[in-house]
Amino acid sequence: GLVGETGCGKTTLAHLLLQLLEPTSGTIRYRGEDVTG
């Protein structure tokens, strides 16, 4: 569960994890593979 008040960044984080948005920086790994780019 990812919780927090409205506007705290929950949906933006979800969109980054789903790669619907590109991160400004940082890394996303899926099953051990770097899939950020």
PDB file of all heavy atoms in Angstrom:
ATOM      1  N   GLY A   1       0.824  -1.196   0.000  1.00  0.00           N
ATOM      2  CA  GLY A   1       0.000   0.000   0.000  1.00  0.00           C
ATOM      3  C   GLY A   1       0.857   1.245   0.000  1.00  0.00           C
ATOM      4  O   GLY A   1       1.787   1.355   0.798  1.00  0.00           O
ATOM      5  N   LEU A   2       0.558   2.171  -0.890  1.00  0.00           N
ATOM      6  CA  LEU A   2       1.244   3.463  -0.948  1.00  0.00           C
ATOM      7  C   LEU A   2       0.235   4.523  -0.525  1.00  0.00           C
ATOM      8  O   LEU A   2      -0.752   4.762  -1.223  1.00  0.00           O
ATOM      9  CB  LEU A   2       1.761   3.731  -2.364  1.00  0.00           C
ATOM     10  CG  LEU A   2       2.484   5.059  -2.602  1.00  0.00           C
ATOM     11  CD1 LEU A   2       3.739   5.161  -1.738  1.00  0.00           C
ATOM     12  CD2 LEU A   2       2.838   5.223  -4.078  1.00  0.00           C
ATOM     13  N   VAL A   3       0.475   5.143   0.627  1.00  0.00           N
ATOM     14  CA  VAL A   3      -0.517   6.048   1.204  1.00  0.00           C
ATOM     15  C   VAL A   3       0.071   7.433   1.422  1.00  0.00           C
ATOM     16  O   VAL A   3       1.289   7.613   1.516  1.00  0.00           O
ATOM     17  CB  VAL A   3      -1.072   5.504   2.540  1.00  0.00           C
ATOM     18  CG1 VAL A   3      -1.698   4.133   2.363  1.00  0.00           C
ATOM     19  CG2 VAL A   3       0.022   5.447   3.603  1.00  0.00           C
ATOM     20  N   GLY A   4      -0.820   8.388   1.507  1.00  0.00           N
ATOM     21  CA  GLY A   4      -0.441   9.777   1.732  1.00  0.00           C
ATOM     22  C   GLY A   4      -1.565  10.672   1.282  1.00  0.00           C
ATOM     23  O   GLY A   4      -2.456  10.252   0.535  1.00  0.00           O
ATOM     24  N   GLU A   5      -1.521  11.932   1.727  1.00  0.00           N
ATOM     25  CA  GLU A   5      -2.599  12.848   1.388  1.00  0.00           C
ATOM     26  C   GLU A   5      -2.543  13.249  -0.078  1.00  0.00           C
ATOM     27  O   GLU A   5      -1.526  13.061  -0.762  1.00  0.00           O
ATOM     28  CB  GLU A   5      -2.529  14.082   2.289  1.00  0.00           C
ATOM     29  CG  GLU A   5      -1.248  14.877   2.150  1.00  0.00           C
ATOM     30  CD  GLU A   5      -1.120  15.939   3.227  1.00  0.00           C
ATOM     31  OE1 GLU A   5      -2.081  16.124   3.986  1.00  0.00           O
ATOM     32  OE2 GLU A   5      -0.058  16.576   3.305  1.00  0.00           O
ATOM     33  N   THR A   6      -3.630  13.820  -0.574  1.00  0.00           N
ATOM     34  CA  THR A   6      -3.704  14.263  -1.958  1.00  0.00           C
ATOM     35  C   THR A   6      -2.591  15.258  -2.262  1.00  0.00           C
ATOM     36  O   THR A   6      -2.342  16.181  -1.485  1.00  0.00           O
ATOM     37  CB  THR A   6      -5.071  14.923  -2.222  1.00  0.00           C
ATOM     38  OG1 THR A   6      -6.099  13.973  -1.959  1.00  0.00           O
ATOM     39  CG2 THR A   6      -5.181  15.395  -3.663  1.00  0.00           C
ATOM     40  N   GLY A   7      -1.901  15.043  -3.394  1.00  0.00           N
ATOM     41  CA  GLY A   7      -0.843  15.948  -3.804  1.00  0.00           C
ATOM     42  C   GLY A   7       0.538  15.604  -3.292  1.00  0.00           C
ATOM     43  O   GLY A   7       1.493  16.337  -3.550  1.00  0.00           O
ATOM     44  N   CYS A   8       0.671  14.465  -2.606  1.00  0.00           N
ATOM     45  CA  CYS A   8       1.972  14.109  -2.031  1.00  0.00           C
ATOM     46  C   CYS A   8       2.905  13.447  -3.036  1.00  0.00           C
ATOM     47  O   CYS A   8       4.085  13.238  -2.744  1.00  0.00           O
ATOM     48  CB  CYS A   8       1.797  13.218  -0.805  1.00  0.00           C
ATOM     49  SG  CYS A   8       1.257  11.542  -1.181  1.00  0.00           S
ATOM     50  N   GLY A   9       2.412  13.089  -4.226  1.00  0.00           N
ATOM     51  CA  GLY A   9       3.271  12.499  -5.246  1.00  0.00           C
ATOM     52  C   GLY A   9       3.023  11.031  -5.513  1.00  0.00           C
ATOM     53  O   GLY A   9       3.771  10.410  -6.277  1.00  0.00           O
ATOM     54  N   LYS A  10       1.967  10.453  -4.946  1.00  0.00           N
ATOM     55  CA  LYS A  10       1.718   9.015  -5.093  1.00  0.00           C
ATOM     56  C   LYS A  10       1.506   8.621  -6.555  1.00  0.00           C
ATOM     57  O   LYS A  10       2.114   7.668  -7.051  1.00  0.00           O
ATOM     58  CB  LYS A  10       0.484   8.594  -4.270  1.00  0.00           C
ATOM     59  CG  LYS A  10       0.540   8.887  -2.799  1.00  0.00           C
ATOM     60  CD  LYS A  10      -0.644   8.301  -2.051  1.00  0.00           C
ATOM     61  CE  LYS A  10      -1.996   8.776  -2.535  1.00  0.00           C
ATOM     62  NZ  LYS A  10      -2.218  10.233  -2.313  1.00  0.00           N
ATOM     63  N   THR A  11       0.616   9.335  -7.234  1.00  0.00           N
ATOM     64  CA  THR A  11       0.307   8.980  -8.617  1.00  0.00           C
ATOM     65  C   THR A  11       1.501   9.231  -9.532  1.00  0.00           C
ATOM     66  O   THR A  11       1.760   8.443 -10.448  1.00  0.00           O
ATOM     67  CB  THR A  11      -0.923   9.754  -9.104  1.00  0.00           C
ATOM     68  OG1 THR A  11      -2.066   9.340  -8.335  1.00  0.00           O
ATOM     69  CG2 THR A  11      -1.209   9.478 -10.570  1.00  0.00           C
ATOM     70  N   THR A  12       2.240  10.300  -9.287  1.00  0.00           N
ATOM     71  CA  THR A  12       3.443  10.551 -10.087  1.00  0.00           C
ATOM     72  C   THR A  12       4.437   9.418  -9.922  1.00  0.00           C
ATOM     73  O   THR A  12       5.032   8.947 -10.905  1.00  0.00           O
ATOM     74  CB  THR A  12       4.086  11.884  -9.676  1.00  0.00           C
ATOM     75  OG1 THR A  12       3.157  12.951  -9.870  1.00  0.00           O
ATOM     76  CG2 THR A  12       5.337  12.165 -10.510  1.00  0.00           C
ATOM     77  N   LEU A  13       4.621   8.947  -8.697  1.00  0.00           N
ATOM     78  CA  LEU A  13       5.521   7.821  -8.462  1.00  0.00           C
ATOM     79  C   LEU A  13       5.034   6.579  -9.202  1.00  0.00           C
ATOM     80  O   LEU A  13       5.830   5.864  -9.831  1.00  0.00           O
ATOM     81  CB  LEU A  13       5.629   7.533  -6.958  1.00  0.00           C
ATOM     82  CG  LEU A  13       6.459   6.304  -6.563  1.00  0.00           C
ATOM     83  CD1 LEU A  13       7.887   6.410  -7.091  1.00  0.00           C
ATOM     84  CD2 LEU A  13       6.442   6.105  -5.056  1.00  0.00           C
ATOM     85  N   ALA A  14       3.728   6.327  -9.163  1.00  0.00           N
ATOM     86  CA  ALA A  14       3.182   5.167  -9.874  1.00  0.00           C
ATOM     87  C   ALA A  14       3.437   5.272 -11.372  1.00  0.00           C
ATOM     88  O   ALA A  14       3.795   4.283 -12.016  1.00  0.00           O
ATOM     89  CB  ALA A  14       1.688   5.038  -9.591  1.00  0.00           C
ATOM     90  N   HIS A  15       3.269   6.456 -11.935  1.00  0.00           N
ATOM     91  CA  HIS A  15       3.505   6.652 -13.367  1.00  0.00           C
ATOM     92  C   HIS A  15       4.980   6.455 -13.718  1.00  0.00           C
ATOM     93  O   HIS A  15       5.300   5.979 -14.812  1.00  0.00           O
ATOM     94  CB  HIS A  15       3.022   8.034 -13.788  1.00  0.00           C
ATOM     95  CG  HIS A  15       1.541   8.160 -13.834  1.00  0.00           C
ATOM     96  ND1 HIS A  15       0.886   9.335 -14.132  1.00  0.00           N
ATOM     97  CD2 HIS A  15       0.557   7.246 -13.605  1.00  0.00           C
ATOM     98  CE1 HIS A  15      -0.421   9.144 -14.108  1.00  0.00           C
ATOM     99  NE2 HIS A  15      -0.645   7.880 -13.780  1.00  0.00           N
ATOM    100  N   LEU A  16       5.859   6.797 -12.805  1.00  0.00           N
ATOM    101  CA  LEU A  16       7.280   6.527 -13.033  1.00  0.00           C
ATOM    102  C   LEU A  16       7.544   5.028 -13.025  1.00  0.00           C
ATOM    103  O   LEU A  16       8.269   4.509 -13.883  1.00  0.00           O
ATOM    104  CB  LEU A  16       8.124   7.209 -11.948  1.00  0.00           C
ATOM    105  CG  LEU A  16       8.178   8.739 -11.980  1.00  0.00           C
ATOM    106  CD1 LEU A  16       8.878   9.261 -10.730  1.00  0.00           C
ATOM    107  CD2 LEU A  16       8.882   9.245 -13.228  1.00  0.00           C
ATOM    108  N   LEU A  17       6.967   4.324 -12.061  1.00  0.00           N
ATOM    109  CA  LEU A  17       7.183   2.878 -11.959  1.00  0.00           C
ATOM    110  C   LEU A  17       6.609   2.149 -13.170  1.00  0.00           C
ATOM    111  O   LEU A  17       7.155   1.118 -13.597  1.00  0.00           O
ATOM    112  CB  LEU A  17       6.556   2.342 -10.670  1.00  0.00           C
ATOM    113  CG  LEU A  17       7.165   2.862  -9.364  1.00  0.00           C
ATOM    114  CD1 LEU A  17       6.377   2.340  -8.165  1.00  0.00           C
ATOM    115  CD2 LEU A  17       8.631   2.468  -9.237  1.00  0.00           C
ATOM    116  N   LEU A  18       5.510   2.656 -13.710  1.00  0.00           N
ATOM    117  CA  LEU A  18       4.903   2.071 -14.904  1.00  0.00           C
ATOM    118  C   LEU A  18       5.572   2.553 -16.184  1.00  0.00           C
ATOM    119  O   LEU A  18       5.234   2.107 -17.268  1.00  0.00           O
ATOM    120  CB  LEU A  18       3.410   2.412 -14.952  1.00  0.00           C
ATOM    121  CG  LEU A  18       2.524   1.739 -13.906  1.00  0.00           C
ATOM    122  CD1 LEU A  18       1.162   2.424 -13.845  1.00  0.00           C
ATOM    123  CD2 LEU A  18       2.356   0.264 -14.206  1.00  0.00           C
ATOM    124  N   GLN A  19       6.487   3.498 -16.030  1.00  0.00           N
ATOM    125  CA  GLN A  19       7.202   4.119 -17.153  1.00  0.00           C
ATOM    126  C   GLN A  19       6.268   4.826 -18.124  1.00  0.00           C
ATOM    127  O   GLN A  19       6.453   4.821 -19.337  1.00  0.00           O
ATOM    128  CB  GLN A  19       8.118   3.109 -17.844  1.00  0.00           C
ATOM    129  CG  GLN A  19       9.265   2.678 -16.924  1.00  0.00           C
ATOM    130  CD  GLN A  19      10.203   1.676 -17.537  1.00  0.00           C
ATOM    131  OE1 GLN A  19      10.014   0.480 -17.364  1.00  0.00           O
ATOM    132  NE2 GLN A  19      11.210   2.161 -18.252  1.00  0.00           N
ATOM    133  N   LEU A  20       5.240   5.443 -17.541  1.00  0.00           N
ATOM    134  CA  LEU A  20       4.387   6.363 -18.276  1.00  0.00           C
ATOM    135  C   LEU A  20       4.989   7.767 -18.240  1.00  0.00           C
ATOM    136  O   LEU A  20       4.611   8.627 -19.038  1.00  0.00           O
ATOM    137  CB  LEU A  20       2.974   6.373 -17.682  1.00  0.00           C
ATOM    138  CG  LEU A  20       2.246   5.030 -17.695  1.00  0.00           C
ATOM    139  CD1 LEU A  20       0.910   5.130 -16.971  1.00  0.00           C
ATOM    140  CD2 LEU A  20       2.054   4.527 -19.115  1.00  0.00           C
ATOM    141  N   LEU A  21       5.891   7.995 -17.279  1.00  0.00           N
ATOM    142  CA  LEU A  21       6.683   9.214 -17.184  1.00  0.00           C
ATOM    143  C   LEU A  21       8.153   8.819 -17.109  1.00  0.00           C
ATOM    144  O   LEU A  21       8.489   7.760 -16.576  1.00  0.00           O
ATOM    145  CB  LEU A  21       6.319  10.012 -15.928  1.00  0.00           C
ATOM    146  CG  LEU A  21       4.993  10.774 -15.883  1.00  0.00           C
ATOM    147  CD1 LEU A  21       4.798  11.363 -14.497  1.00  0.00           C
ATOM    148  CD2 LEU A  21       4.941  11.858 -16.951  1.00  0.00           C
ATOM    149  N   GLU A  22       9.021   9.692 -17.591  1.00  0.00           N
ATOM    150  CA  GLU A  22      10.455   9.458 -17.465  1.00  0.00           C
ATOM    151  C   GLU A  22      10.970  10.178 -16.225  1.00  0.00           C
ATOM    152  O   GLU A  22      10.625  11.345 -15.990  1.00  0.00           O
ATOM    153  CB  GLU A  22      11.203   9.974 -18.700  1.00  0.00           C
ATOM    154  CG  GLU A  22      10.965   9.154 -19.947  1.00  0.00           C
ATOM    155  CD  GLU A  22      11.925   9.529 -21.065  1.00  0.00           C
ATOM    156  OE1 GLU A  22      12.906  10.250 -20.781  1.00  0.00           O
ATOM    157  OE2 GLU A  22      11.681   9.104 -22.200  1.00  0.00           O
ATOM    158  N   PRO A  23      11.787   9.515 -15.417  1.00  0.00           N
ATOM    159  CA  PRO A  23      12.331  10.182 -14.236  1.00  0.00           C
ATOM    160  C   PRO A  23      13.359  11.241 -14.600  1.00  0.00           C
ATOM    161  O   PRO A  23      14.048  11.118 -15.622  1.00  0.00           O
ATOM    162  CB  PRO A  23      12.974   9.034 -13.449  1.00  0.00           C
ATOM    163  CG  PRO A  23      13.324   8.018 -14.495  1.00  0.00           C
ATOM    164  CD  PRO A  23      12.259   8.123 -15.545  1.00  0.00           C
ATOM    165  N   THR A  24      13.453  12.278 -13.775  1.00  0.00           N
ATOM    166  CA  THR A  24      14.515  13.257 -13.945  1.00  0.00           C
ATOM    167  C   THR A  24      15.861  12.618 -13.635  1.00  0.00           C
ATOM    168  O   THR A  24      16.859  12.875 -14.307  1.00  0.00           O
ATOM    169  CB  THR A  24      14.269  14.458 -13.019  1.00  0.00           C
ATOM    170  OG1 THR A  24      12.973  15.013 -13.314  1.00  0.00           O
ATOM    171  CG2 THR A  24      15.329  15.533 -13.206  1.00  0.00           C
ATOM    172  N   SER A  25      15.866  11.758 -12.626  1.00  0.00           N
ATOM    173  CA  SER A  25      17.048  10.972 -12.303  1.00  0.00           C
ATOM    174  C   SER A  25      16.608   9.753 -11.508  1.00  0.00           C
ATOM    175  O   SER A  25      15.461   9.650 -11.063  1.00  0.00           O
ATOM    176  CB  SER A  25      18.064  11.798 -11.498  1.00  0.00           C
ATOM    177  OG  SER A  25      17.509  12.207 -10.257  1.00  0.00           O
ATOM    178  N   GLY A  26      17.529   8.812 -11.326  1.00  0.00           N
ATOM    179  CA  GLY A  26      17.211   7.589 -10.598  1.00  0.00           C
ATOM    180  C   GLY A  26      17.129   6.384 -11.517  1.00  0.00           C
ATOM    181  O   GLY A  26      17.264   6.506 -12.746  1.00  0.00           O
ATOM    182  N   THR A  27      16.888   5.227 -10.909  1.00  0.00           N
ATOM    183  CA  THR A  27      16.929   3.958 -11.634  1.00  0.00           C
ATOM    184  C   THR A  27      15.683   3.137 -11.345  1.00  0.00           C
ATOM    185  O   THR A  27      15.209   3.091 -10.207  1.00  0.00           O
ATOM    186  CB  THR A  27      18.172   3.145 -11.223  1.00  0.00           C
ATOM    187  OG1 THR A  27      19.338   3.940 -11.448  1.00  0.00           O
ATOM    188  CG2 THR A  27      18.290   1.850 -12.018  1.00  0.00           C
ATOM    189  N   ILE A  28      15.165   2.470 -12.379  1.00  0.00           N
ATOM    190  CA  ILE A  28      14.061   1.520 -12.236  1.00  0.00           C
ATOM    191  C   ILE A  28      14.550   0.162 -12.718  1.00  0.00           C
ATOM    192  O   ILE A  28      15.075   0.046 -13.837  1.00  0.00           O
ATOM    193  CB  ILE A  28      12.832   1.955 -13.063  1.00  0.00           C
ATOM    194  CG1 ILE A  28      12.335   3.324 -12.607  1.00  0.00           C
ATOM    195  CG2 ILE A  28      11.713   0.913 -12.949  1.00  0.00           C
ATOM    196  CD1 ILE A  28      11.288   3.926 -13.513  1.00  0.00           C
ATOM    197  N   ARG A  29      14.403  -0.844 -11.873  1.00  0.00           N
ATOM    198  CA  ARG A  29      14.784  -2.209 -12.249  1.00  0.00           C
ATOM    199  C   ARG A  29      13.547  -3.096 -12.221  1.00  0.00           C
ATOM    200  O   ARG A  29      12.727  -3.009 -11.305  1.00  0.00           O
ATOM    201  CB  ARG A  29      15.835  -2.766 -11.291  1.00  0.00           C
ATOM    202  CG  ARG A  29      17.166  -2.038 -11.327  1.00  0.00           C
ATOM    203  CD  ARG A  29      18.214  -2.752 -10.479  1.00  0.00           C
ATOM    204  NE  ARG A  29      19.477  -2.037 -10.467  1.00  0.00           N
ATOM    205  CZ  ARG A  29      19.780  -1.075  -9.598  1.00  0.00           C
ATOM    206  NH1 ARG A  29      18.910  -0.739  -8.658  1.00  0.00           N
ATOM    207  NH2 ARG A  29      20.946  -0.464  -9.660  1.00  0.00           N
ATOM    208  N   TYR A  30      13.442  -3.953 -13.218  1.00  0.00           N
ATOM    209  CA  TYR A  30      12.348  -4.919 -13.292  1.00  0.00           C
ATOM    210  C   TYR A  30      12.958  -6.304 -13.378  1.00  0.00           C
ATOM    211  O   TYR A  30      13.699  -6.604 -14.319  1.00  0.00           O
ATOM    212  CB  TYR A  30      11.465  -4.638 -14.510  1.00  0.00           C
ATOM    213  CG  TYR A  30      10.275  -5.556 -14.610  1.00  0.00           C
ATOM    214  CD1 TYR A  30       9.200  -5.437 -13.734  1.00  0.00           C
ATOM    215  CD2 TYR A  30      10.223  -6.565 -15.568  1.00  0.00           C
ATOM    216  CE1 TYR A  30       8.113  -6.281 -13.810  1.00  0.00           C
ATOM    217  CE2 TYR A  30       9.132  -7.416 -15.655  1.00  0.00           C
ATOM    218  CZ  TYR A  30       8.079  -7.274 -14.780  1.00  0.00           C
ATOM    219  OH  TYR A  30       7.005  -8.118 -14.858  1.00  0.00           O
ATOM    220  N   ARG A  31      12.704  -7.124 -12.353  1.00  0.00           N
ATOM    221  CA  ARG A  31      13.267  -8.468 -12.243  1.00  0.00           C
ATOM    222  C   ARG A  31      14.796  -8.430 -12.398  1.00  0.00           C
ATOM    223  O   ARG A  31      15.403  -9.251 -13.048  1.00  0.00           O
ATOM    224  CB  ARG A  31      12.630  -9.402 -13.270  1.00  0.00           C
ATOM    225  CG  ARG A  31      11.114  -9.484 -13.145  1.00  0.00           C
ATOM    226  CD  ARG A  31      10.505 -10.364 -14.205  1.00  0.00           C
ATOM    227  NE  ARG A  31      10.796 -11.768 -13.950  1.00  0.00           N
ATOM    228  CZ  ARG A  31      10.494 -12.754 -14.795  1.00  0.00           C
ATOM    229  NH1 ARG A  31       9.933 -12.479 -15.961  1.00  0.00           N
ATOM    230  NH2 ARG A  31      10.789 -14.000 -14.490  1.00  0.00           N
ATOM    231  N   GLY A  32      15.382  -7.420 -11.765  1.00  0.00           N
ATOM    232  CA  GLY A  32      16.829  -7.293 -11.735  1.00  0.00           C
ATOM    233  C   GLY A  32      17.439  -6.549 -12.901  1.00  0.00           C
ATOM    234  O   GLY A  32      18.624  -6.205 -12.868  1.00  0.00           O
ATOM    235  N   GLU A  33      16.657  -6.261 -13.938  1.00  0.00           N
ATOM    236  CA  GLU A  33      17.174  -5.590 -15.134  1.00  0.00           C
ATOM    237  C   GLU A  33      16.911  -4.088 -15.055  1.00  0.00           C
ATOM    238  O   GLU A  33      15.804  -3.647 -14.727  1.00  0.00           O
ATOM    239  CB  GLU A  33      16.483  -6.159 -16.379  1.00  0.00           C
ATOM    240  CG  GLU A  33      16.851  -5.452 -17.672  1.00  0.00           C
ATOM    241  CD  GLU A  33      15.965  -5.847 -18.841  1.00  0.00           C
ATOM    242  OE1 GLU A  33      15.107  -6.744 -18.666  1.00  0.00           O
ATOM    243  OE2 GLU A  33      16.118  -5.247 -19.918  1.00  0.00           O
ATOM    244  N   ASP A  34      17.930  -3.303 -15.352  1.00  0.00           N
ATOM    245  CA  ASP A  34      17.768  -1.847 -15.412  1.00  0.00           C
ATOM    246  C   ASP A  34      16.957  -1.510 -16.659  1.00  0.00           C
ATOM    247  O   ASP A  34      17.418  -1.686 -17.791  1.00  0.00           O
ATOM    248  CB  ASP A  34      19.142  -1.177 -15.468  1.00  0.00           C
ATOM    249  CG  ASP A  34      19.051   0.351 -15.411  1.00  0.00           C
ATOM    250  OD1 ASP A  34      17.943   0.897 -15.600  1.00  0.00           O
ATOM    251  OD2 ASP A  34      20.081   0.999 -15.175  1.00  0.00           O
ATOM    252  N   VAL A  35      15.728  -1.028 -16.450  1.00  0.00           N
ATOM    253  CA  VAL A  35      14.836  -0.721 -17.580  1.00  0.00           C
ATOM    254  C   VAL A  35      14.540   0.773 -17.663  1.00  0.00           C
ATOM    255  O   VAL A  35      13.616   1.178 -18.375  1.00  0.00           O
ATOM    256  CB  VAL A  35      13.523  -1.527 -17.466  1.00  0.00           C
ATOM    257  CG1 VAL A  35      13.783  -3.023 -17.550  1.00  0.00           C
ATOM    258  CG2 VAL A  35      12.772  -1.178 -16.168  1.00  0.00           C
ATOM    259  N   THR A  36      15.326   1.577 -16.962  1.00  0.00           N
ATOM    260  CA  THR A  36      15.046   3.014 -16.884  1.00  0.00           C
ATOM    261  C   THR A  36      14.910   3.643 -18.256  1.00  0.00           C
ATOM    262  O   THR A  36      14.014   4.455 -18.499  1.00  0.00           O
ATOM    263  CB  THR A  36      16.160   3.734 -16.094  1.00  0.00           C
ATOM    264  OG1 THR A  36      16.426   3.019 -14.883  1.00  0.00           O
ATOM    265  CG2 THR A  36      15.751   5.156 -15.751  1.00  0.00           C
ATOM    266  N   GLY A  37      15.791   3.285 -19.168  1.00  0.00           N
ATOM    267  CA  GLY A  37      15.768   3.893 -20.492  1.00  0.00           C
ATOM    268  C   GLY A  37      15.147   3.032 -21.558  1.00  0.00           C
ATOM    269  O   GLY A  37      15.408   3.243 -22.756  1.00  0.00           O
TER     270      GLY A  37
END
